[in-house]
């Protein structure tokens, strides 16, 4: 069968023109303020407060905003340099409301999709090049001056019911991870253990969320001044994640090259005196991890057992 292109070409061109005109009209008349309010309401239902400045149309059916602030119920604020959020057209044709988003923060990028309707809502995101040294909220929450570039993926299924438990995975890698200083909370020490600059190399975390628990299938750092490994670490999920209790074991082995530095000599004496009972036969310090997600504690394990 031979296609008569002279006959079909005008029809295809008119169809393409009509579709392009529809997309242009949709962009020009898209209710950006209504979508903004929808995003704000959906975030508020999950305990987050979202504020946006300089809101305008973005993408085909969405908004673009600068000067965005996302605040948790605990008061923790995360500033976003830019945020673009658009309704996904194909799910909309099937009666599902879903949004695609792209945010720039801390010299990195986070993009993904999130369902706004249904009994179970899928959330998927990918992060690239997020600079932890610029993340002031993380520094305030942990008490440590953390460094490194974070990349990773999140895939979650979140029930619409307020008491529903999320399921899914979180996989994160931090390159050039380290600590530039801060106070490591150690029970028995009133002010914590003051840390010098410590490189951790590459940190890898793999977390599975299921049955109300976040289980760390892997949490380790290799290739820096010290090797860190966590074992049996998990958190019991709570409506406010910062209060989720955590439990597990950890091992930290500092390399000889780190102790050879002049600036670490004072720290070496304090650390060895405070943690001597937790040193195992392999020379690593052993800890029991306790506390909460926002306030973790490392309790030295007597005898390194």
Protein backbone atom coordinates (compact mmCIF):
# COMPACT_ATOMS: atom_id res chain seq x y z
CA UNK A 1 0.00 0.00 0.00
CA UNK A 2 1.43 3.36 -1.07
CA UNK A 3 0.81 6.41 1.13
CA UNK A 4 -0.27 9.52 -0.74
CA UNK A 5 1.90 12.11 1.07
CA UNK A 6 0.49 14.95 -1.02
CA UNK A 7 -2.85 14.18 0.56
CA UNK A 8 -1.67 13.52 4.13
CA UNK A 9 1.00 16.20 4.43
CA UNK A 10 -1.45 19.13 4.86
CA UNK A 11 -3.45 17.15 7.44
CA UNK A 12 -0.35 16.32 9.45
CA UNK A 13 0.84 19.93 9.32
CA UNK A 14 -2.55 21.25 10.44
CA UNK A 15 -2.63 18.66 13.23
CA UNK A 16 0.86 19.62 14.41
CA UNK A 17 -0.04 23.33 14.28
CA UNK A 18 -3.22 22.74 16.28
CA UNK A 19 -1.36 20.72 18.91
CA UNK A 20 1.39 23.37 19.20
CA UNK A 21 -1.24 26.12 19.51
CA UNK A 22 -2.99 24.12 22.22
CA UNK A 23 0.25 23.72 24.20
CA UNK A 24 1.06 27.43 23.84
CA UNK A 25 -2.43 28.44 24.96
CA UNK A 26 -2.21 26.01 27.88
CA UNK A 27 1.08 27.54 29.00
CA UNK A 28 -0.17 31.12 28.67
CA UNK A 29 -3.45 30.46 30.50
CA UNK A 30 -2.22 27.83 32.96
CA UNK A 31 -3.39 28.69 36.53
CA UNK A 32 0.05 28.89 38.15
CA UNK A 33 -1.35 30.36 41.36
CA UNK A 34 -3.84 27.50 41.70
CA UNK A 35 -1.08 24.91 41.25
CA UNK A 36 1.04 26.78 43.81
CA UNK A 37 -1.78 26.63 46.33
CA UNK A 38 -2.27 22.94 45.63
CA UNK A 39 1.41 22.24 46.31
CA UNK A 40 1.29 24.30 49.51
CA UNK A 41 -1.81 22.44 50.74
CA UNK A 42 -0.42 19.00 49.91
CA UNK A 43 2.82 19.86 51.75
CA UNK A 44 0.89 21.21 54.75
CA UNK A 45 -1.08 17.96 54.99
CA UNK A 46 2.25 16.20 55.53
CA UNK A 47 3.55 18.65 58.11
CA UNK A 48 5.59 20.87 55.77
CA UNK A 49 5.24 24.58 55.13
CA UNK A 50 6.18 25.81 51.66
CA UNK A 51 6.73 29.45 50.75
CA UNK A 52 7.41 30.62 47.19
CA UNK A 53 8.46 33.96 45.71
CA UNK A 54 8.53 35.19 42.10
CA UNK A 55 6.08 32.56 40.87
CA UNK A 56 5.44 32.30 37.12
CA UNK A 57 4.61 29.70 34.47
CA UNK A 58 7.11 26.90 33.96
CA UNK A 59 7.17 24.03 31.51
CA UNK A 60 4.00 23.23 29.59
CA UNK A 61 1.61 23.04 32.55
CA UNK A 62 3.40 24.17 35.64
CA UNK A 63 5.08 26.87 37.66
CA UNK A 64 8.61 28.15 38.15
CA UNK A 65 9.54 29.79 41.44
CA UNK A 66 12.63 31.32 42.98
CA UNK A 67 13.29 32.02 46.64
CA UNK A 68 11.51 28.89 47.85
CA UNK A 69 11.63 27.80 51.49
CA UNK A 70 10.47 24.42 52.76
CA UNK A 71 9.99 24.28 56.54
CA UNK A 72 9.31 21.18 58.66
CA UNK A 73 7.06 21.17 61.71
CA UNK A 74 10.21 21.07 63.86
CA UNK A 75 11.30 24.45 62.47
CA UNK A 76 13.97 23.00 60.19
CA UNK A 77 14.13 25.12 57.01
CA UNK A 78 15.53 24.11 53.63
CA UNK A 79 16.02 26.94 51.09
CA UNK A 80 15.73 26.15 47.37
CA UNK A 81 17.37 28.39 44.79
CA UNK A 82 14.84 27.42 42.14
CA UNK A 83 11.83 25.13 41.84
CA UNK A 84 9.94 24.05 38.74
CA UNK A 85 6.80 21.95 39.19
CA UNK A 86 4.48 20.80 36.38
CA UNK A 87 1.38 18.67 36.19
CA UNK A 88 2.05 15.49 34.22
CA UNK A 89 -0.35 15.40 31.29
CA UNK A 90 -0.58 11.64 30.64
CA UNK A 91 -1.59 10.70 34.22
CA UNK A 92 -4.06 13.62 34.14
CA UNK A 93 -5.83 12.05 31.15
CA UNK A 94 -6.45 8.93 33.25
CA UNK A 95 -7.82 10.91 36.20
CA UNK A 96 -4.62 10.88 38.28
CA UNK A 97 -3.02 14.06 39.52
CA UNK A 98 0.75 13.84 39.44
CA UNK A 99 3.45 16.49 39.44
CA UNK A 100 7.00 16.49 38.11
CA UNK A 101 9.48 18.76 39.88
CA UNK A 102 13.04 19.99 39.50
CA UNK A 103 14.74 21.85 42.36
CA UNK A 104 18.19 23.40 42.64
CA UNK A 105 19.77 23.61 46.08
CA UNK A 106 23.24 23.69 47.59
CA UNK A 107 24.88 23.72 44.13
CA UNK A 108 23.08 20.47 43.24
CA UNK A 109 19.84 19.32 41.68
CA UNK A 110 16.91 17.21 42.86
CA UNK A 111 14.28 16.08 40.36
CA UNK A 112 11.43 13.62 40.48
CA UNK A 113 7.70 12.97 40.43
CA UNK A 114 5.00 12.79 43.10
CA UNK A 115 1.37 11.67 43.00
CA UNK A 116 -1.24 14.05 44.43
CA UNK A 117 -4.17 11.63 44.43
CA UNK A 118 -5.02 8.01 45.12
CA UNK A 119 -4.98 5.77 48.17
CA UNK A 120 -1.28 5.13 47.66
CA UNK A 121 0.95 7.82 46.23
CA UNK A 122 4.23 7.18 44.50
CA UNK A 123 7.18 9.49 45.11
CA UNK A 124 10.39 9.14 43.11
CA UNK A 125 13.34 11.50 43.11
CA UNK A 126 17.00 11.63 42.12
CA UNK A 127 19.63 13.94 43.58
CA UNK A 128 22.94 14.95 42.01
CA UNK A 129 25.85 16.97 43.36
CA UNK A 130 24.23 18.38 46.52
CA UNK A 131 27.00 20.11 48.50
CA UNK A 132 26.60 19.13 52.17
CA UNK A 133 29.05 21.81 53.30
CA UNK A 134 26.43 24.42 52.31
CA UNK A 135 23.56 22.64 54.08
CA UNK A 136 23.22 24.77 57.21
CA UNK A 137 20.04 22.92 58.37
CA UNK A 138 21.98 19.64 58.34
CA UNK A 139 24.77 21.22 60.38
CA UNK A 140 22.28 22.52 62.95
CA UNK A 141 20.53 19.16 63.20
CA UNK A 142 23.67 17.03 63.53
CA UNK A 143 26.00 19.42 65.35
CA UNK A 144 28.71 18.48 62.83
CA UNK A 145 30.25 20.45 59.98
CA UNK A 146 29.73 17.83 57.28
CA UNK A 147 31.29 17.91 53.81
CA UNK A 148 30.84 15.96 50.58
CA UNK A 149 28.74 15.81 47.41
CA UNK A 150 25.54 13.81 47.75
CA UNK A 151 23.83 11.87 44.96
CA UNK A 152 21.17 9.20 45.19
CA UNK A 153 17.67 7.95 44.48
CA UNK A 154 14.46 7.66 46.49
CA UNK A 155 11.44 5.53 45.54
CA UNK A 156 8.58 5.54 48.06
CA UNK A 157 4.94 4.51 48.23
CA UNK A 158 3.13 6.72 50.75
CA UNK A 159 -0.46 5.92 51.86
CA UNK A 160 -2.86 8.85 51.74
CA UNK A 161 -4.09 8.04 55.28
CA UNK A 162 -2.29 10.20 57.89
CA UNK A 163 -1.27 7.12 59.93
CA UNK A 164 -0.13 5.11 56.92
CA UNK A 165 3.43 3.82 56.78
CA UNK A 166 5.64 4.50 53.74
CA UNK A 167 7.38 1.71 51.84
CA UNK A 168 10.29 1.84 49.45
CA UNK A 169 14.02 2.46 49.21
CA UNK A 170 16.59 5.21 49.69
CA UNK A 171 20.04 4.77 48.14
CA UNK A 172 22.60 7.51 48.70
CA UNK A 173 26.30 8.02 47.94
CA UNK A 174 28.41 10.88 49.30
CA UNK A 175 31.77 11.42 47.61
CA UNK A 176 34.60 13.21 49.42
CA UNK A 177 32.61 12.79 52.62
CA UNK A 178 34.06 14.14 55.82
CA UNK A 179 33.74 16.23 58.95
CA UNK A 180 35.36 19.66 59.24
CA UNK A 181 34.66 19.91 62.95
CA UNK A 182 31.84 19.90 65.47
CA UNK A 183 30.80 18.11 68.64
CA UNK A 184 30.24 14.36 68.56
CA UNK A 185 27.60 13.56 71.24
CA UNK A 186 29.03 10.88 73.55
CA UNK A 187 27.14 9.96 76.75
CA UNK A 188 29.15 10.90 79.84
CA UNK A 189 30.72 13.95 78.19
CA UNK A 190 28.90 17.22 78.91
CA UNK A 191 30.05 19.03 75.78
CA UNK A 192 30.61 16.05 73.49
CA UNK A 193 33.84 15.08 71.76
CA UNK A 194 35.34 17.92 69.71
CA UNK A 195 36.30 16.57 66.30
CA UNK A 196 39.15 17.80 64.09
CA UNK A 197 38.94 17.65 60.30
CA UNK A 198 38.35 14.03 59.35
CA UNK A 199 38.00 12.64 55.81
CA UNK A 200 35.72 9.63 55.32
CA UNK A 201 36.22 8.99 51.61
CA UNK A 202 33.09 7.60 49.98
CA UNK A 203 30.03 7.06 52.16
CA UNK A 204 27.31 4.68 50.93
CA UNK A 205 23.87 4.23 52.51
CA UNK A 206 21.10 1.84 51.44
CA UNK A 207 17.84 2.03 53.39
CA UNK A 208 14.69 -0.09 53.09
CA UNK A 209 11.39 1.25 54.44
CA UNK A 210 8.79 -1.37 55.32
CA UNK A 211 6.44 -2.31 58.16
CA UNK A 212 7.02 0.94 60.01
CA UNK A 213 10.82 0.63 60.06
CA UNK A 214 13.70 2.14 58.12
CA UNK A 215 16.38 -0.55 57.99
CA UNK A 216 19.90 0.34 56.92
CA UNK A 217 20.95 -2.53 54.70
CA UNK A 218 24.28 -0.75 54.28
CA UNK A 219 25.94 2.24 55.87
CA UNK A 220 29.68 2.51 55.52
CA UNK A 221 32.47 4.92 54.63
CA UNK A 222 35.78 3.85 53.08
CA UNK A 223 38.87 5.46 51.62
CA UNK A 224 39.45 8.36 54.00
CA UNK A 225 41.20 9.03 57.30
CA UNK A 226 38.93 6.46 58.96
CA UNK A 227 36.68 3.56 58.01
CA UNK A 228 33.14 3.58 59.41
CA UNK A 229 30.65 0.71 59.33
CA UNK A 230 27.18 0.40 60.85
CA UNK A 231 25.54 -2.95 61.60
CA UNK A 232 21.91 -3.72 62.43
CA UNK A 233 20.96 -0.05 62.30
CA UNK A 234 17.26 0.82 62.02
CA UNK A 235 14.80 3.58 62.87
CA UNK A 236 11.20 3.14 64.01
CA UNK A 237 9.19 5.50 61.80
CA UNK A 238 7.15 8.25 63.44
CA UNK A 239 4.78 10.94 62.06
CA UNK A 240 7.62 13.39 62.73
CA UNK A 241 10.71 11.66 61.40
CA UNK A 242 13.12 13.74 63.50
CA UNK A 243 11.74 12.00 66.61
CA UNK A 244 12.08 8.49 65.20
CA UNK A 245 14.15 6.37 67.63
CA UNK A 246 17.20 4.64 66.17
CA UNK A 247 19.19 1.62 67.27
CA UNK A 248 22.19 -0.29 65.99
CA UNK A 249 25.93 -0.79 66.24
CA UNK A 250 28.83 1.06 64.64
CA UNK A 251 32.57 0.64 64.26
CA UNK A 252 35.11 3.40 63.60
CA UNK A 253 38.74 2.64 62.81
CA UNK A 254 41.03 5.64 62.49
CA UNK A 255 44.12 5.15 60.33
CA UNK A 256 47.66 5.70 61.54
CA UNK A 257 48.28 8.47 59.00
CA UNK A 258 45.57 10.55 60.67
CA UNK A 259 47.22 10.25 64.09
CA UNK A 260 50.58 11.26 62.61
CA UNK A 261 49.36 14.79 61.92
CA UNK A 262 50.41 17.52 64.32
CA UNK A 263 46.91 19.00 64.56
CA UNK A 264 45.39 15.70 65.75
CA UNK A 265 47.67 15.08 68.71
CA UNK A 266 45.46 16.84 71.27
CA UNK A 267 42.38 15.05 69.97
CA UNK A 268 44.17 11.70 70.12
CA UNK A 269 44.78 11.98 73.85
CA UNK A 270 41.20 12.99 74.64
CA UNK A 271 39.68 10.34 72.34
CA UNK A 272 41.84 7.50 73.64
CA UNK A 273 41.05 8.42 77.25
CA UNK A 274 37.31 8.65 76.62
CA UNK A 275 36.98 5.63 74.31
CA UNK A 276 39.74 3.29 75.52
CA UNK A 277 37.27 0.70 76.85
CA UNK A 278 35.52 0.46 73.47
CA UNK A 279 38.59 -0.45 71.42
CA UNK A 280 38.46 -3.91 69.90
CA UNK A 281 41.28 -6.26 68.93
CA UNK A 282 41.33 -4.80 65.41
CA UNK A 283 42.01 -1.33 66.83
CA UNK A 284 38.54 0.01 65.98
CA UNK A 285 36.26 1.81 68.41
CA UNK A 286 32.88 0.13 68.89
CA UNK A 287 29.66 1.99 69.60
CA UNK A 288 25.99 1.40 70.29
CA UNK A 289 23.86 3.84 68.30
CA UNK A 290 20.85 5.23 70.18
CA UNK A 291 18.78 8.40 70.42
CA UNK A 292 16.69 9.73 67.55
CA UNK A 293 17.20 10.60 63.90
CA UNK A 294 17.75 14.28 64.73
CA UNK A 295 19.78 13.60 67.89
CA UNK A 296 21.79 10.39 67.43
CA UNK A 297 24.13 9.25 70.20
CA UNK A 298 27.18 7.02 70.04
CA UNK A 299 27.61 5.03 73.26
CA UNK A 300 30.97 3.31 73.64
CA UNK A 301 30.58 -0.45 73.99
CA UNK A 302 32.63 -1.73 76.92
CA UNK A 303 35.34 -4.14 75.88
CA UNK A 304 34.59 -3.54 72.21
CA UNK A 305 31.98 -6.29 72.30
